[in-house]
Amino acid sequence: MEESAVIKSLAALAQPLRLRIFRALVVAGPQGMTPGDLAVALDAAATTLSFHLKELTHADLVTQERDGRHLIYRAAFDHMDGLLGYLTEHCCQGQPCAPTVDSSTGKPARKRACVTC
């Protein structure tokens, strides 16, 4: 992923309502949501939502599809996976992350040694 695309995506998510929109679309999964559904779910005005959906679309974080008279917005999971991959590319100096061991039980702990895992 190009650094400019990473910056554009992170900048788009660095706004509270946009982050909430994106998270709602992630939860909705492949079926996506209409702007009306998003407006109700997030208690946001349609005009405000439209502006932020446009910004997320320009950052390639959201896709838009027309279904008759409705627009369906979906999280762009491939793009987000690429963004997360870019951010964690050199995690643990390229080595697989190992879980930490709970010293009292000798079993793997929930928390991993690497903060990104």
C-alpha atoms as a PDB file:
ATOM      1  CA  MET A   1       0.000   0.000   0.000  1.00  0.00           C
ATOM      2  CA  GLU A   2       1.282   3.436  -0.877  1.00  0.00           C
ATOM      3  CA  GLU A   3       2.124   5.750   2.001  1.00  0.00           C
ATOM      4  CA  SER A   4      -0.133   8.462   0.535  1.00  0.00           C
ATOM      5  CA  ALA A   5      -3.121   6.073   0.625  1.00  0.00           C
ATOM      6  CA  VAL A   6      -2.329   5.192   4.248  1.00  0.00           C
ATOM      7  CA  ILE A   7      -2.216   8.858   5.234  1.00  0.00           C
ATOM      8  CA  LYS A   8      -5.466   9.564   3.387  1.00  0.00           C
ATOM      9  CA  SER A   9      -7.212   6.651   5.119  1.00  0.00           C
ATOM     10  CA  LEU A  10      -5.953   7.486   8.584  1.00  0.00           C
ATOM     11  CA  ALA A  11      -6.883  11.142   8.116  1.00  0.00           C
ATOM     12  CA  ALA A  12     -10.407  10.124   7.102  1.00  0.00           C
ATOM     13  CA  LEU A  13     -10.796   8.011  10.229  1.00  0.00           C
ATOM     14  CA  ALA A  14      -9.421  10.767  12.477  1.00  0.00           C
ATOM     15  CA  GLN A  15     -12.846  12.328  12.909  1.00  0.00           C
ATOM     16  CA  PRO A  16     -15.325  10.984  15.492  1.00  0.00           C
ATOM     17  CA  LEU A  17     -18.424  10.641  13.301  1.00  0.00           C
ATOM     18  CA  ARG A  18     -16.462   9.131  10.407  1.00  0.00           C
ATOM     19  CA  LEU A  19     -14.968   6.574  12.746  1.00  0.00           C
ATOM     20  CA  ARG A  20     -18.443   5.741  14.080  1.00  0.00           C
ATOM     21  CA  ILE A  21     -19.773   5.416  10.507  1.00  0.00           C
ATOM     22  CA  PHE A  22     -16.949   3.112   9.518  1.00  0.00           C
ATOM     23  CA  ARG A  23     -17.392   0.947  12.614  1.00  0.00           C
ATOM     24  CA  ALA A  24     -21.150   0.709  11.972  1.00  0.00           C
ATOM     25  CA  LEU A  25     -20.447  -0.444   8.420  1.00  0.00           C
ATOM     26  CA  VAL A  26     -17.954  -3.026   9.689  1.00  0.00           C
ATOM     27  CA  VAL A  27     -20.631  -4.399  12.018  1.00  0.00           C
ATOM     28  CA  ALA A  28     -23.179  -4.421   9.172  1.00  0.00           C
ATOM     29  CA  GLY A  29     -20.846  -6.614   7.151  1.00  0.00           C
ATOM     30  CA  PRO A  30     -21.331  -7.368   3.456  1.00  0.00           C
ATOM     31  CA  GLN A  31     -24.993  -6.336   3.442  1.00  0.00           C
ATOM     32  CA  GLY A  32     -23.978  -2.735   4.201  1.00  0.00           C
ATOM     33  CA  MET A  33     -26.313   0.060   5.214  1.00  0.00           C
ATOM     34  CA  THR A  34     -28.264   2.827   3.552  1.00  0.00           C
ATOM     35  CA  PRO A  35     -27.667   6.430   4.583  1.00  0.00           C
ATOM     36  CA  GLY A  36     -31.091   6.410   6.225  1.00  0.00           C
ATOM     37  CA  ASP A  37     -30.209   3.394   8.336  1.00  0.00           C
ATOM     38  CA  LEU A  38     -26.903   4.995   9.300  1.00  0.00           C
ATOM     39  CA  ALA A  39     -28.636   8.266  10.207  1.00  0.00           C
ATOM     40  CA  VAL A  40     -30.981   6.439  12.569  1.00  0.00           C
ATOM     41  CA  ALA A  41     -28.286   4.201  14.048  1.00  0.00           C
ATOM     42  CA  LEU A  42     -25.863   7.080  14.654  1.00  0.00           C
ATOM     43  CA  ASP A  43     -28.423   9.815  15.365  1.00  0.00           C
ATOM     44  CA  ALA A  44     -26.844  12.013  12.689  1.00  0.00           C
ATOM     45  CA  ALA A  45     -28.349  14.457  10.210  1.00  0.00           C
ATOM     46  CA  ALA A  46     -28.543  13.193   6.621  1.00  0.00           C
ATOM     47  CA  THR A  47     -26.558  16.131   5.213  1.00  0.00           C
ATOM     48  CA  THR A  48     -23.773  15.655   7.747  1.00  0.00           C
ATOM     49  CA  LEU A  49     -23.731  11.933   7.051  1.00  0.00           C
ATOM     50  CA  SER A  50     -23.532  12.530   3.317  1.00  0.00           C
ATOM     51  CA  PHE A  51     -20.443  14.710   3.709  1.00  0.00           C
ATOM     52  CA  HIS A  52     -18.661  12.142   5.878  1.00  0.00           C
ATOM     53  CA  LEU A  53     -19.618   9.193   3.667  1.00  0.00           C
ATOM     54  CA  LYS A  54     -18.116  11.072   0.738  1.00  0.00           C
ATOM     55  CA  GLU A  55     -14.870  11.549   2.658  1.00  0.00           C
ATOM     56  CA  LEU A  56     -14.719   7.864   3.601  1.00  0.00           C
ATOM     57  CA  THR A  57     -15.439   6.891  -0.009  1.00  0.00           C
ATOM     58  CA  HIS A  58     -12.655   9.167  -1.312  1.00  0.00           C
ATOM     59  CA  ALA A  59     -10.283   7.519   1.175  1.00  0.00           C
ATOM     60  CA  ASP A  60     -11.290   4.091  -0.241  1.00  0.00           C
ATOM     61  CA  LEU A  61     -12.536   2.941   3.165  1.00  0.00           C
ATOM     62  CA  VAL A  62     -16.150   2.677   2.027  1.00  0.00           C
ATOM     63  CA  THR A  63     -17.785   1.519  -1.184  1.00  0.00           C
ATOM     64  CA  GLN A  64     -21.081   2.708  -2.561  1.00  0.00           C
ATOM     65  CA  GLU A  65     -23.538   0.731  -4.681  1.00  0.00           C
ATOM     66  CA  ARG A  66     -26.888   1.733  -6.082  1.00  0.00           C
ATOM     67  CA  ASP A  67     -29.735  -0.710  -5.425  1.00  0.00           C
ATOM     68  CA  GLY A  68     -32.774   0.700  -7.173  1.00  0.00           C
ATOM     69  CA  ARG A  69     -33.479   4.020  -5.512  1.00  0.00           C
ATOM     70  CA  HIS A  70     -31.209   3.321  -2.570  1.00  0.00           C
ATOM     71  CA  LEU A  71     -27.493   3.682  -2.038  1.00  0.00           C
ATOM     72  CA  ILE A  72     -25.818   0.931  -0.071  1.00  0.00           C
ATOM     73  CA  TYR A  73     -22.566   1.722   1.707  1.00  0.00           C
ATOM     74  CA  ARG A  74     -20.176  -1.009   2.772  1.00  0.00           C
ATOM     75  CA  ALA A  75     -16.860  -1.054   4.602  1.00  0.00           C
ATOM     76  CA  ALA A  76     -14.012  -1.749   2.168  1.00  0.00           C
ATOM     77  CA  PHE A  77     -12.544  -4.679   4.084  1.00  0.00           C
ATOM     78  CA  ASP A  78      -9.782  -5.320   1.539  1.00  0.00           C
ATOM     79  CA  HIS A  79      -8.562  -1.746   1.870  1.00  0.00           C
ATOM     80  CA  MET A  80      -8.744  -1.856   5.663  1.00  0.00           C
ATOM     81  CA  ASP A  81      -6.840  -5.153   5.699  1.00  0.00           C
ATOM     82  CA  GLY A  82      -4.167  -3.520   3.542  1.00  0.00           C
ATOM     83  CA  LEU A  83      -4.015  -0.549   5.891  1.00  0.00           C
ATOM     84  CA  LEU A  84      -3.649  -2.773   8.951  1.00  0.00           C
ATOM     85  CA  GLY A  85      -1.046  -4.836   7.127  1.00  0.00           C
ATOM     86  CA  TYR A  86       0.927  -1.701   6.323  1.00  0.00           C
ATOM     87  CA  LEU A  87       0.789  -0.551   9.940  1.00  0.00           C
ATOM     88  CA  THR A  88       1.873  -3.914  11.346  1.00  0.00           C
ATOM     89  CA  GLU A  89       4.228  -4.974   8.545  1.00  0.00           C
ATOM     90  CA  HIS A  90       7.345  -4.928  10.683  1.00  0.00           C
ATOM     91  CA  CYS A  91       5.701  -6.049  13.901  1.00  0.00           C
ATOM     92  CA  CYS A  92       8.073  -7.916  16.213  1.00  0.00           C
ATOM     93  CA  GLN A  93      10.951  -7.266  13.803  1.00  0.00           C
ATOM     94  CA  GLY A  94       9.376  -9.581  11.230  1.00  0.00           C
ATOM     95  CA  GLN A  95       9.168 -12.553  13.604  1.00  0.00           C
ATOM     96  CA  PRO A  96       5.914 -14.320  14.507  1.00  0.00           C
ATOM     97  CA  CYS A  97       4.467 -12.923  17.708  1.00  0.00           C
ATOM     98  CA  ALA A  98       4.438 -15.388  20.570  1.00  0.00           C
ATOM     99  CA  PRO A  99       1.945 -15.299  23.401  1.00  0.00           C
ATOM    100  CA  THR A 100       3.331 -14.529  26.815  1.00  0.00           C
ATOM    101  CA  VAL A 101       3.258 -17.260  29.435  1.00  0.00           C
ATOM    102  CA  ASP A 102       1.442 -16.823  32.728  1.00  0.00           C
ATOM    103  CA  SER A 103       4.169 -17.519  35.283  1.00  0.00           C
ATOM    104  CA  SER A 104       1.701 -18.833  37.875  1.00  0.00           C
ATOM    105  CA  THR A 105       0.101 -21.452  35.594  1.00  0.00           C
ATOM    106  CA  GLY A 106       2.704 -21.974  32.881  1.00  0.00           C
ATOM    107  CA  LYS A 107      -0.062 -21.593  30.297  1.00  0.00           C
ATOM    108  CA  PRO A 108      -0.256 -18.987  27.529  1.00  0.00           C
ATOM    109  CA  ALA A 109      -1.617 -15.709  28.861  1.00  0.00           C
ATOM    110  CA  ARG A 110      -4.318 -13.757  27.126  1.00  0.00           C
ATOM    111  CA  LYS A 111      -1.994 -10.850  26.524  1.00  0.00           C
ATOM    112  CA  ARG A 112       0.654 -11.301  23.875  1.00  0.00           C
ATOM    113  CA  ALA A 113       4.201  -9.995  24.037  1.00  0.00           C
ATOM    114  CA  CYS A 114       3.481  -7.826  21.018  1.00  0.00           C
ATOM    115  CA  VAL A 115       1.074  -4.952  21.508  1.00  0.00           C
ATOM    116  CA  THR A 116      -0.202  -5.208  17.919  1.00  0.00           C
ATOM    117  CA  CYS A 117      -1.338  -8.832  18.155  1.00  0.00           C
END
